[in-house]
N, C-alpha and C. Protein backbone atom coordinates (compact mmCIF):
# COMPACT_ATOMS: atom_id res chain seq x y z
N MET A 1 0.88 -1.10 -0.18
CA MET A 1 -0.12 0.07 -0.10
C MET A 1 0.51 1.39 -0.32
N LEU A 2 0.28 2.43 -0.68
CA LEU A 2 1.10 3.47 -0.58
C LEU A 2 1.21 4.30 0.38
N PHE A 3 2.13 4.98 1.15
CA PHE A 3 2.32 5.43 2.27
C PHE A 3 1.65 7.02 1.69
N ARG A 4 1.13 7.62 3.08
CA ARG A 4 0.56 8.68 2.77
C ARG A 4 1.39 9.78 2.10
N SER A 5 2.53 9.90 2.50
CA SER A 5 3.52 11.21 1.89
C SER A 5 3.36 10.92 0.10
N GLU A 6 3.58 9.35 0.03
CA GLU A 6 4.11 9.12 -1.25
C GLU A 6 2.50 9.41 -2.29
N ALA A 7 1.61 8.89 -1.65
CA ALA A 7 0.26 8.99 -2.36
C ALA A 7 -0.43 10.46 -2.59
N LEU A 8 -0.14 11.45 -1.34
CA LEU A 8 -0.59 12.72 -1.52
C LEU A 8 0.29 13.87 -1.90
N GLY A 9 1.29 13.38 -2.03
CA GLY A 9 2.20 14.19 -2.30
C GLY A 9 2.49 14.42 -3.99
N ARG A 10 1.84 13.75 -4.73
CA ARG A 10 2.36 13.68 -6.25
C ARG A 10 0.83 14.58 -6.63
N PRO A 11 0.32 15.56 -6.50
CA PRO A 11 -0.42 16.10 -7.11
C PRO A 11 -0.65 16.71 -8.48
N GLY A 12 -1.58 16.65 -9.21
CA GLY A 12 -2.08 17.23 -10.75
C GLY A 12 -1.37 18.60 -11.10
N PRO A 13 -1.73 18.97 -12.07
CA PRO A 13 -1.10 20.41 -12.62
C PRO A 13 -1.77 21.24 -11.79
N ASP A 14 -2.96 21.09 -11.19
CA ASP A 14 -3.93 22.16 -10.65
C ASP A 14 -3.77 22.24 -9.03
N GLY A 15 -2.54 21.18 -8.60
CA GLY A 15 -2.80 21.43 -7.18
C GLY A 15 -3.69 20.06 -6.36
N ARG A 16 -4.44 19.31 -7.39
CA ARG A 16 -5.27 18.39 -6.99
C ARG A 16 -5.20 17.40 -7.38
N LEU A 17 -5.69 16.02 -6.44
CA LEU A 17 -5.18 14.95 -7.03
C LEU A 17 -6.19 14.40 -8.57
N THR A 18 -5.60 13.96 -9.78
CA THR A 18 -6.32 13.89 -10.71
C THR A 18 -7.42 12.47 -10.39
N ALA A 19 -8.19 11.96 -11.33
CA ALA A 19 -8.97 11.05 -11.12
C ALA A 19 -8.41 9.51 -10.99
N ALA A 20 -7.39 9.63 -12.18
CA ALA A 20 -6.61 8.31 -11.80
C ALA A 20 -5.58 8.12 -10.61
N GLN A 21 -5.15 9.33 -10.34
CA GLN A 21 -4.26 9.17 -9.23
C GLN A 21 -5.43 8.73 -8.00
N THR A 22 -6.50 9.42 -7.65
CA THR A 22 -7.83 9.40 -6.82
C THR A 22 -7.72 7.92 -6.90
N ALA A 23 -8.05 7.18 -8.22
CA ALA A 23 -8.53 5.81 -8.03
C ALA A 23 -7.74 4.75 -7.77
N SER A 24 -6.19 5.07 -8.01
CA SER A 24 -4.93 4.50 -7.47
C SER A 24 -4.86 4.16 -5.98
N ILE A 25 -4.80 5.39 -5.50
CA ILE A 25 -4.82 5.34 -3.84
C ILE A 25 -6.25 4.90 -3.35
N ILE A 26 -7.50 5.12 -3.78
CA ILE A 26 -8.64 4.33 -3.29
C ILE A 26 -8.94 3.04 -3.27
N ALA A 27 -8.62 2.56 -4.87
CA ALA A 27 -8.81 0.94 -4.89
C ALA A 27 -8.47 0.06 -3.96
N PRO A 28 -6.68 0.18 -3.12
CA PRO A 28 -6.41 -1.03 -2.21
C PRO A 28 -7.12 -0.39 -0.77
N LEU A 29 -7.63 0.95 -0.67
CA LEU A 29 -8.30 1.05 0.80
C LEU A 29 -9.65 0.26 0.52
N ALA A 30 -10.01 0.51 -0.87
CA ALA A 30 -11.89 0.04 -0.90
C ALA A 30 -11.49 -1.57 -0.60
N PHE A 31 -10.60 -2.04 -1.09
CA PHE A 31 -10.35 -3.62 -0.57
C PHE A 31 -10.34 -3.98 0.77
N ALA A 32 -9.27 -3.14 1.49
CA ALA A 32 -8.88 -3.57 2.80
C ALA A 32 -10.31 -2.87 3.52
N HIS A 33 -10.71 -2.06 2.83
CA HIS A 33 -12.13 -1.77 4.01
C HIS A 33 -13.06 -3.03 4.39
N GLY A 34 -13.54 -3.20 5.56
CA GLY A 34 -14.58 -4.44 6.25
C GLY A 34 -13.35 -5.48 6.24
N LYS A 35 -12.07 -5.67 6.25
CA LYS A 35 -11.66 -6.69 6.32
C LYS A 35 -10.61 -6.62 7.74
N THR A 36 -10.27 -7.66 8.25
CA THR A 36 -9.76 -7.54 9.66
C THR A 36 -8.29 -7.68 9.65
N PRO A 37 -7.54 -6.98 10.56
CA PRO A 37 -7.95 -5.64 11.31
C PRO A 37 -8.53 -4.47 10.84
N LEU A 38 -9.24 -4.26 11.48
CA LEU A 38 -10.05 -2.60 11.23
C LEU A 38 -9.14 -1.76 11.59
N LEU A 39 -8.57 -0.84 10.77
CA LEU A 39 -7.45 0.21 10.83
C LEU A 39 -8.06 1.38 10.51
N PRO A 40 -8.10 2.33 11.32
CA PRO A 40 -8.48 3.82 11.11
C PRO A 40 -8.03 4.61 10.15
N ALA A 41 -6.55 4.11 9.86
CA ALA A 41 -5.99 4.72 9.05
C ALA A 41 -6.08 4.80 7.15
N ILE A 42 -6.87 3.47 7.21
CA ILE A 42 -7.86 3.27 6.10
C ILE A 42 -8.89 4.34 5.70
N TYR A 43 -9.43 4.89 6.36
CA TYR A 43 -10.69 5.49 6.08
C TYR A 43 -9.94 7.04 6.37
N ASP A 44 -8.92 7.00 7.37
CA ASP A 44 -8.20 8.71 7.38
C ASP A 44 -7.59 8.80 5.85
N LEU A 45 -6.71 8.05 4.99
CA LEU A 45 -6.11 8.26 4.01
C LEU A 45 -7.65 8.21 2.79
N ALA A 46 -8.49 7.45 2.84
CA ALA A 46 -9.55 8.03 2.24
C ALA A 46 -10.07 9.36 1.89
N GLY A 47 -10.38 9.70 3.18
CA GLY A 47 -11.23 11.08 3.40
C GLY A 47 -9.70 12.14 2.77
N ASP A 48 -8.74 11.98 3.22
CA ASP A 48 -7.75 12.94 2.70
C ASP A 48 -7.86 12.94 1.41
N THR A 49 -7.56 11.84 0.99
CA THR A 49 -7.66 11.48 -0.78
C THR A 49 -8.50 12.24 -1.38
N TRP A 50 -10.02 12.12 -0.92
CA TRP A 50 -11.38 12.72 -1.75
C TRP A 50 -11.34 14.06 -1.03
N ALA A 51 -10.57 14.46 -0.32
CA ALA A 51 -10.47 15.89 -0.03
C ALA A 51 -9.40 16.86 -0.78
N ARG A 52 -8.42 15.94 -1.43
CA ARG A 52 -7.67 16.61 -1.94
C ARG A 52 -7.93 16.29 -3.55
N SER A 53 -8.92 15.41 -3.85
CA SER A 53 -9.28 15.21 -5.47
C SER A 53 -10.06 16.07 -6.32
N SER A 54 -9.58 16.13 -7.50
CA SER A 54 -10.68 17.07 -8.48
C SER A 54 -11.76 16.13 -8.83
N ALA A 55 -11.96 14.89 -8.75
CA ALA A 55 -12.91 14.04 -8.72
C ALA A 55 -13.68 14.13 -7.62
N SER A 56 -15.11 13.69 -7.77
CA SER A 56 -16.33 13.72 -6.90
C SER A 56 -16.56 12.17 -6.43
N PRO A 57 -16.54 12.10 -5.00
CA PRO A 57 -16.68 10.45 -4.49
C PRO A 57 -18.48 10.16 -5.41
N GLY A 58 -18.81 8.64 -5.24
CA GLY A 58 -20.13 8.50 -5.34
C GLY A 58 -20.53 7.90 -4.03
N LYS A 59 -21.65 7.39 -4.16
CA LYS A 59 -22.33 6.72 -3.01
C LYS A 59 -21.67 5.56 -2.17
N ASP A 60 -20.98 4.66 -3.16
CA ASP A 60 -20.33 3.93 -2.58
C ASP A 60 -19.42 4.28 -1.58
N GLU A 61 -18.18 5.20 -2.33
CA GLU A 61 -17.27 5.99 -1.49
C GLU A 61 -17.72 6.50 0.05
N ALA A 62 -18.96 7.20 -0.21
CA ALA A 62 -19.41 7.68 0.91
C ALA A 62 -20.18 7.13 1.83
N ARG A 63 -20.47 5.67 1.46
CA ARG A 63 -20.96 4.90 2.20
C ARG A 63 -19.89 4.10 3.08
N MET A 64 -18.53 3.86 2.53
CA MET A 64 -17.26 3.69 3.19
C MET A 64 -17.20 4.42 4.06
N MET A 65 -17.06 5.56 3.94
CA MET A 65 -16.45 6.80 4.86
C MET A 65 -17.45 6.90 6.03
N VAL A 66 -18.86 6.43 5.89
CA VAL A 66 -19.49 6.84 7.00
C VAL A 66 -19.70 5.32 7.54
N GLU A 67 -19.57 4.27 7.32
CA GLU A 67 -19.15 2.77 8.00
C GLU A 67 -17.77 3.29 8.80
N GLY A 68 -16.67 3.67 8.42
CA GLY A 68 -15.54 4.29 8.92
C GLY A 68 -15.99 4.97 10.14
N ALA A 69 -16.53 5.98 9.77
CA ALA A 69 -17.07 7.04 11.22
C ALA A 69 -17.67 6.14 12.13
N GLN A 70 -18.35 5.30 11.83
CA GLN A 70 -19.37 4.62 12.66
C GLN A 70 -18.38 3.68 13.73
N LEU A 71 -17.44 2.99 12.86
CA LEU A 71 -16.33 1.88 13.43
C LEU A 71 -15.62 3.04 14.53
N PHE A 72 -15.40 4.23 14.23
CA PHE A 72 -14.15 5.08 14.77
C PHE A 72 -14.91 6.40 15.26
N PRO A 73 -16.05 6.09 16.28
CA PRO A 73 -16.42 7.27 16.52
C PRO A 73 -15.69 8.58 17.47
N THR A 74 -14.54 8.36 17.81
CA THR A 74 -13.69 9.43 18.10
C THR A 74 -12.98 9.87 17.79
N ARG A 75 -12.88 9.71 16.27
CA ARG A 75 -11.97 10.32 15.00
C ARG A 75 -12.89 11.51 14.17
N LEU A 76 -12.60 12.70 15.24
CA LEU A 76 -13.48 13.74 14.77
C LEU A 76 -13.32 14.45 13.33
N LYS A 77 -12.23 14.20 12.88
CA LYS A 77 -11.72 14.30 11.72
C LYS A 77 -12.25 13.49 10.31
N LEU A 78 -12.19 11.96 10.70
CA LEU A 78 -12.88 11.48 10.05
C LEU A 78 -14.61 11.79 9.85
N ILE A 79 -14.80 11.70 11.02
CA ILE A 79 -16.63 11.87 11.01
C ILE A 79 -17.01 13.21 10.30
N PHE A 80 -16.20 14.33 10.28
CA PHE A 80 -16.58 15.37 9.60
C PHE A 80 -16.35 15.18 8.06
N GLN A 81 -15.28 14.49 7.84
CA GLN A 81 -14.87 14.58 6.39
C GLN A 81 -16.04 13.31 5.66
N ALA A 82 -16.73 12.36 6.35
CA ALA A 82 -17.70 11.46 6.27
C ALA A 82 -18.75 12.41 6.17
N GLY A 83 -19.16 13.14 7.09
CA GLY A 83 -20.58 14.11 6.62
C GLY A 83 -20.43 15.24 5.62
N VAL A 84 -19.44 15.55 5.13
CA VAL A 84 -19.32 16.32 4.11
C VAL A 84 -19.60 15.57 2.99
N MET A 85 -18.99 14.50 2.74
CA MET A 85 -18.88 13.26 1.32
C MET A 85 -20.47 12.82 1.77
N ALA A 86 -21.39 12.74 2.35
CA ALA A 86 -22.46 11.91 2.69
C ALA A 86 -23.65 13.33 2.41
N ARG A 87 -23.09 14.45 2.61
CA ARG A 87 -23.92 15.72 2.04
C ARG A 87 -23.81 15.93 0.36
N ASP A 88 -22.49 15.82 0.39
CA ASP A 88 -22.24 15.59 -1.31
C ASP A 88 -22.60 14.76 -2.33
N THR A 89 -23.05 13.39 -1.46
CA THR A 89 -23.82 12.55 -2.48
C THR A 89 -25.18 12.44 -2.26
N GLY A 90 -25.91 13.25 -1.33
CA GLY A 90 -27.14 13.70 -1.03
C GLY A 90 -27.90 12.47 0.19
N ASP A 91 -26.90 11.71 0.84
CA ASP A 91 -27.12 11.21 2.08
C ASP A 91 -27.31 11.93 3.17
N ALA A 92 -28.42 12.99 3.33
CA ALA A 92 -28.97 13.52 4.16
C ALA A 92 -28.88 12.95 5.74
N ARG A 93 -29.60 11.75 6.06
CA ARG A 93 -29.69 11.61 7.14
C ARG A 93 -28.27 10.85 7.57
N SER A 94 -27.59 10.60 7.06
CA SER A 94 -26.17 10.18 7.57
C SER A 94 -25.46 11.49 8.04
N ALA A 95 -25.58 12.65 7.15
CA ALA A 95 -25.01 13.78 7.37
C ALA A 95 -25.16 14.50 8.50
N HIS A 96 -26.46 14.50 9.05
CA HIS A 96 -27.40 15.07 10.08
C HIS A 96 -26.96 14.30 11.17
N ALA A 97 -26.66 12.83 11.28
CA ALA A 97 -26.27 11.92 12.50
C ALA A 97 -24.76 12.56 12.54
N LEU A 98 -23.72 12.54 11.50
CA LEU A 98 -22.77 12.50 11.97
C LEU A 98 -22.37 14.07 12.50
N ALA A 99 -22.94 15.01 11.49
CA ALA A 99 -22.77 16.41 12.30
C ALA A 99 -23.43 16.35 13.52
N ASP A 100 -24.21 15.71 13.98
CA ASP A 100 -25.03 16.22 15.75
C ASP A 100 -24.04 15.47 16.35
N HIS A 101 -23.19 14.13 15.99
CA HIS A 101 -22.45 13.52 16.91
C HIS A 101 -21.09 14.38 17.05
N GLY A 102 -20.48 15.04 15.69
CA GLY A 102 -19.52 16.41 15.88
C GLY A 102 -19.85 17.43 17.07
N ILE A 103 -20.83 17.48 17.12
CA ILE A 103 -21.28 18.84 18.11
C ILE A 103 -21.65 18.44 19.17
N LYS A 104 -21.99 16.93 19.46
CA LYS A 104 -22.12 16.62 20.89
C LYS A 104 -20.56 16.52 21.45
N TRP A 105 -19.99 15.90 20.59
CA TRP A 105 -18.52 15.15 21.11
C TRP A 105 -17.53 16.35 20.95
N ALA A 106 -17.18 17.30 20.15
CA ALA A 106 -16.73 18.39 19.98
C ALA A 106 -15.38 18.92 21.29
N PRO A 107 -14.64 18.61 21.20
CA PRO A 107 -13.38 19.07 22.35
C PRO A 107 -13.47 20.28 22.71
N ASP A 108 -13.64 21.47 21.74
CA ASP A 108 -13.48 22.75 21.85
C ASP A 108 -14.34 23.40 20.96
N ALA A 109 -14.46 24.69 20.94
CA ALA A 109 -15.57 25.72 20.41
C ALA A 109 -15.10 25.75 18.86
N SER A 110 -13.86 25.94 18.54
CA SER A 110 -13.51 26.01 17.31
C SER A 110 -14.22 24.42 16.14
N VAL A 111 -14.10 23.34 16.59
CA VAL A 111 -14.19 22.22 16.21
C VAL A 111 -15.85 22.14 15.91
N ARG A 112 -16.26 22.57 17.51
CA ARG A 112 -18.05 22.60 17.53
C ARG A 112 -18.55 23.44 16.52
N GLN A 113 -17.88 24.58 15.96
CA GLN A 113 -18.31 25.39 15.08
C GLN A 113 -18.06 24.57 13.77
N ARG A 114 -17.35 24.04 13.32
CA ARG A 114 -17.15 23.64 11.98
C ARG A 114 -18.36 22.51 11.94
N PHE A 115 -18.62 22.04 12.71
CA PHE A 115 -19.56 20.57 12.48
C PHE A 115 -20.94 21.58 12.78
N GLU A 116 -21.43 22.60 13.33
CA GLU A 116 -22.53 23.58 13.13
C GLU A 116 -22.75 24.09 11.82
N ALA A 117 -21.08 24.54 11.37
CA ALA A 117 -21.26 25.06 10.02
C ALA A 117 -21.85 24.09 8.86
N LEU A 118 -21.50 22.66 9.24
CA LEU A 118 -21.70 21.58 8.05
C LEU A 118 -22.81 21.31 8.48
N LYS A 119 -23.78 21.35 9.77
CA LYS A 119 -25.19 21.10 9.85
C LYS A 119 -26.22 22.26 9.34
N SER A 120 -25.71 23.64 9.59
CA SER A 120 -26.42 24.54 8.55
C SER A 120 -26.52 24.40 7.35
N SER A 121 -25.38 24.04 6.88
CA SER A 121 -25.36 23.79 5.20
C SER A 121 -25.93 22.48 4.43
N LEU A 122 -26.77 21.83 5.44
CA LEU A 122 -27.17 20.49 5.23
C LEU A 122 -29.00 20.41 4.90
N PRO A 123 -29.65 20.17 3.82
CA PRO A 123 -31.26 20.53 3.61
C PRO A 123 -32.10 19.86 5.41
N PRO A 124 -33.12 20.44 5.33
CA PRO A 124 -33.68 19.85 6.11
C PRO A 124 -33.74 18.14 6.50
N ALA A 125 -33.54 17.82 7.69
CA ALA A 125 -33.42 16.56 7.93
C ALA A 125 -34.70 15.79 7.79
N PRO A 126 -34.54 14.42 6.76
CA PRO A 126 -35.79 13.57 6.44
C PRO A 126 -36.54 12.79 7.80
N PRO A 127 -37.51 13.06 7.54
CA PRO A 127 -38.57 12.15 8.68
C PRO A 127 -37.87 10.90 9.17
N ALA A 128 -38.20 10.89 10.46
CA ALA A 128 -37.39 9.42 10.79
C ALA A 128 -38.09 8.30 10.47
N GLU A 129 -37.33 7.14 10.08
CA GLU A 129 -37.99 5.65 9.50
C GLU A 129 -38.82 5.22 10.71
N PRO A 130 -39.99 4.40 10.50
CA PRO A 130 -40.91 4.19 11.49
C PRO A 130 -40.12 3.14 12.02
N GLU A 131 -40.60 2.75 13.21
CA GLU A 131 -39.67 1.20 13.74
C GLU A 131 -40.45 0.05 13.22
N PRO A 132 -40.08 -0.94 12.99
CA PRO A 132 -40.36 -2.16 12.41
C PRO A 132 -41.47 -2.99 13.59
N LYS A 133 -42.40 -3.30 12.71
CA LYS A 133 -43.20 -3.95 13.66
C LYS A 133 -42.62 -5.14 14.39
N ARG A 134 -43.18 -5.26 15.31
CA ARG A 134 -42.65 -6.75 16.23
C ARG A 134 -43.54 -7.66 16.26
N LEU A 135 -43.24 -9.00 16.02
CA LEU A 135 -43.95 -10.18 15.99
C LEU A 135 -44.57 -10.26 17.21
N ARG A 136 -45.77 -10.43 17.38
CA ARG A 136 -46.69 -10.71 18.07
C ARG A 136 -46.99 -12.17 18.53
N LEU A 137 -46.36 -12.47 20.06
CA LEU A 137 -46.74 -13.81 20.38
C LEU A 137 -47.72 -14.06 21.00
N GLY A 138 -48.15 -15.62 20.64
CA GLY A 138 -49.21 -15.83 21.10
C GLY A 138 -49.80 -15.69 22.84
N SER A 139 -49.21 -16.04 23.26
CA SER A 139 -49.97 -15.39 24.78
C SER A 139 -49.25 -14.54 25.68
N SER A 140 -49.73 -13.98 26.63
CA SER A 140 -48.59 -12.82 27.31
C SER A 140 -47.47 -13.97 28.12
N ARG A 141 -47.51 -15.12 28.46
CA ARG A 141 -46.36 -15.88 28.89
C ARG A 141 -45.46 -15.66 28.06
N HIS A 142 -45.51 -16.04 26.81
CA HIS A 142 -44.69 -15.79 25.77
C HIS A 142 -43.99 -14.88 25.72
N ALA A 143 -45.02 -13.60 25.85
CA ALA A 143 -44.23 -12.40 25.50
C ALA A 143 -43.40 -11.97 26.52
N SER A 144 -43.83 -12.31 27.65
CA SER A 144 -43.22 -12.13 28.70
C SER A 144 -41.31 -12.39 29.14
N ALA A 145 -41.87 -13.86 28.42
CA ALA A 145 -40.32 -14.83 28.42
C ALA A 145 -39.72 -14.16 27.14
N ALA A 146 -39.89 -13.87 26.35
CA ALA A 146 -39.18 -13.30 25.20
C ALA A 146 -38.79 -11.97 25.55
N ALA A 147 -39.34 -11.11 26.81
CA ALA A 147 -38.97 -9.69 26.71
C ALA A 147 -38.18 -10.07 28.04
N ASN A 148 -37.87 -10.75 28.61
CA ASN A 148 -36.78 -11.14 29.83
C ASN A 148 -35.95 -12.11 29.36
N PRO A 149 -34.63 -11.62 29.11
CA PRO A 149 -33.48 -12.65 29.11
C PRO A 149 -33.11 -13.51 30.02
N ARG A 150 -33.56 -13.31 31.36
CA ARG A 150 -33.32 -14.27 32.35
C ARG A 150 -34.80 -15.35 32.70
N SER A 151 -35.67 -15.10 31.88
CA SER A 151 -36.50 -16.58 31.73
C SER A 151 -36.31 -17.29 31.17
N PHE A 152 -37.07 -18.38 31.39
CA PHE A 152 -36.70 -19.85 30.81
C PHE A 152 -36.89 -19.63 29.24
N GLY A 153 -37.45 -18.95 28.52
CA GLY A 153 -38.22 -18.86 27.40
C GLY A 153 -37.10 -19.35 26.51
N HIS A 154 -35.84 -19.89 26.72
CA HIS A 154 -34.80 -20.66 25.63
C HIS A 154 -34.96 -21.89 25.80
N PHE A 155 -35.81 -22.87 27.04
CA PHE A 155 -36.00 -23.69 26.84
C PHE A 155 -36.97 -24.51 26.16
N ARG A 156 -36.70 -25.58 25.75
CA ARG A 156 -37.96 -26.47 24.97
C ARG A 156 -38.98 -26.97 26.03
N ARG A 157 -40.59 -26.88 25.64
CA ARG A 157 -41.14 -27.34 26.81
C ARG A 157 -41.60 -28.85 25.98
N VAL A 158 -41.38 -30.07 27.17
CA VAL A 158 -41.60 -31.53 26.64
C VAL A 158 -42.55 -31.77 27.98
N PRO A 159 -43.23 -32.98 27.49
CA PRO A 159 -44.39 -33.18 28.58
C PRO A 159 -44.20 -33.41 30.02
N ALA A 160 -44.91 -33.21 30.87
CA ALA A 160 -44.96 -33.00 32.09
C ALA A 160 -44.41 -34.59 32.68
N ARG A 161 -43.60 -34.63 33.71
CA ARG A 161 -43.58 -36.18 34.42
C ARG A 161 -43.51 -35.43 36.15
N ARG A 162 -44.37 -36.38 36.83
CA ARG A 162 -44.03 -36.05 38.16
C ARG A 162 -45.32 -34.93 38.75
N GLY A 163 -46.31 -34.67 37.93
CA GLY A 163 -46.87 -33.45 38.56
C GLY A 163 -46.67 -31.95 38.03
N TYR A 164 -45.33 -31.83 37.36
CA TYR A 164 -45.08 -30.92 37.33
C TYR A 164 -45.64 -30.35 35.78
N PRO A 165 -46.02 -29.29 35.41
CA PRO A 165 -46.71 -28.76 34.39
C PRO A 165 -45.77 -28.61 33.03
N PHE A 166 -44.66 -28.52 32.99
CA PHE A 166 -43.55 -28.78 32.21
C PHE A 166 -42.21 -28.86 32.65
N ARG A 167 -41.30 -29.40 31.92
CA ARG A 167 -39.96 -29.68 32.30
C ARG A 167 -39.20 -28.91 31.46
N PRO A 168 -38.09 -27.99 31.81
CA PRO A 168 -37.04 -27.45 31.04
C PRO A 168 -36.49 -28.62 30.59
N PHE A 169 -36.14 -28.56 28.69
CA PHE A 169 -35.18 -29.34 28.23
C PHE A 169 -34.35 -28.60 27.29
N ARG A 170 -32.77 -28.99 27.60
CA ARG A 170 -32.06 -28.09 26.65
C ARG A 170 -31.69 -28.81 25.37
N ARG A 171 -31.02 -28.32 24.47
CA ARG A 171 -31.04 -29.35 23.45
C ARG A 171 -29.52 -30.01 23.83
N GLY A 172 -29.98 -30.93 23.48
CA GLY A 172 -28.13 -32.01 23.46
C GLY A 172 -28.49 -32.59 24.94
N ALA A 173 -29.45 -32.34 25.40
CA ALA A 173 -29.81 -33.35 26.75
C ALA A 173 -30.41 -34.71 26.53
N SER A 174 -30.30 -35.25 27.50
CA SER A 174 -31.28 -36.45 27.62
C SER A 174 -32.42 -35.79 28.06
N ARG A 175 -33.92 -36.46 26.87
CA ARG A 175 -35.27 -36.62 27.63
C ARG A 175 -35.86 -37.40 28.52
N VAL A 176 -34.96 -38.19 29.12
CA VAL A 176 -35.28 -38.96 29.95
C VAL A 176 -35.24 -38.81 31.68
């Protein structure tokens, strides 16, 4: 992989990276994206590359940066760059969430001011998605068992012996 100084030190004639230079830097980063170990340097270099590029990123590149910001929520430069890319590609929901995160966790007023400027440049926030409907279980006993992780809802029910209404049975255990 290219070192940061090598990759970003060869700008084009206008002082910005050309589309071919950008593609040669982003291709190995996109390949490494999502593979272990997850390194913040992948997303930092991608953000710096797109910031210095004359080409504009697509939705896939912006999605990669947003995922990097979700993986490394303390790296505010990465979060800002991901928010700008999300805004530029039309992902207003992600851009608003990233700007709000930056405003909340900014260490000083100058950083908070940059995130507020990003937030003010965004279109109005889209309405929140409705929560998915939960499956309705048959009886209240089953519903409470699903809601309570300490309940015995993870046991299978088997026919009773010796007067008990049911006997818990774990997978792999004997039924006798």
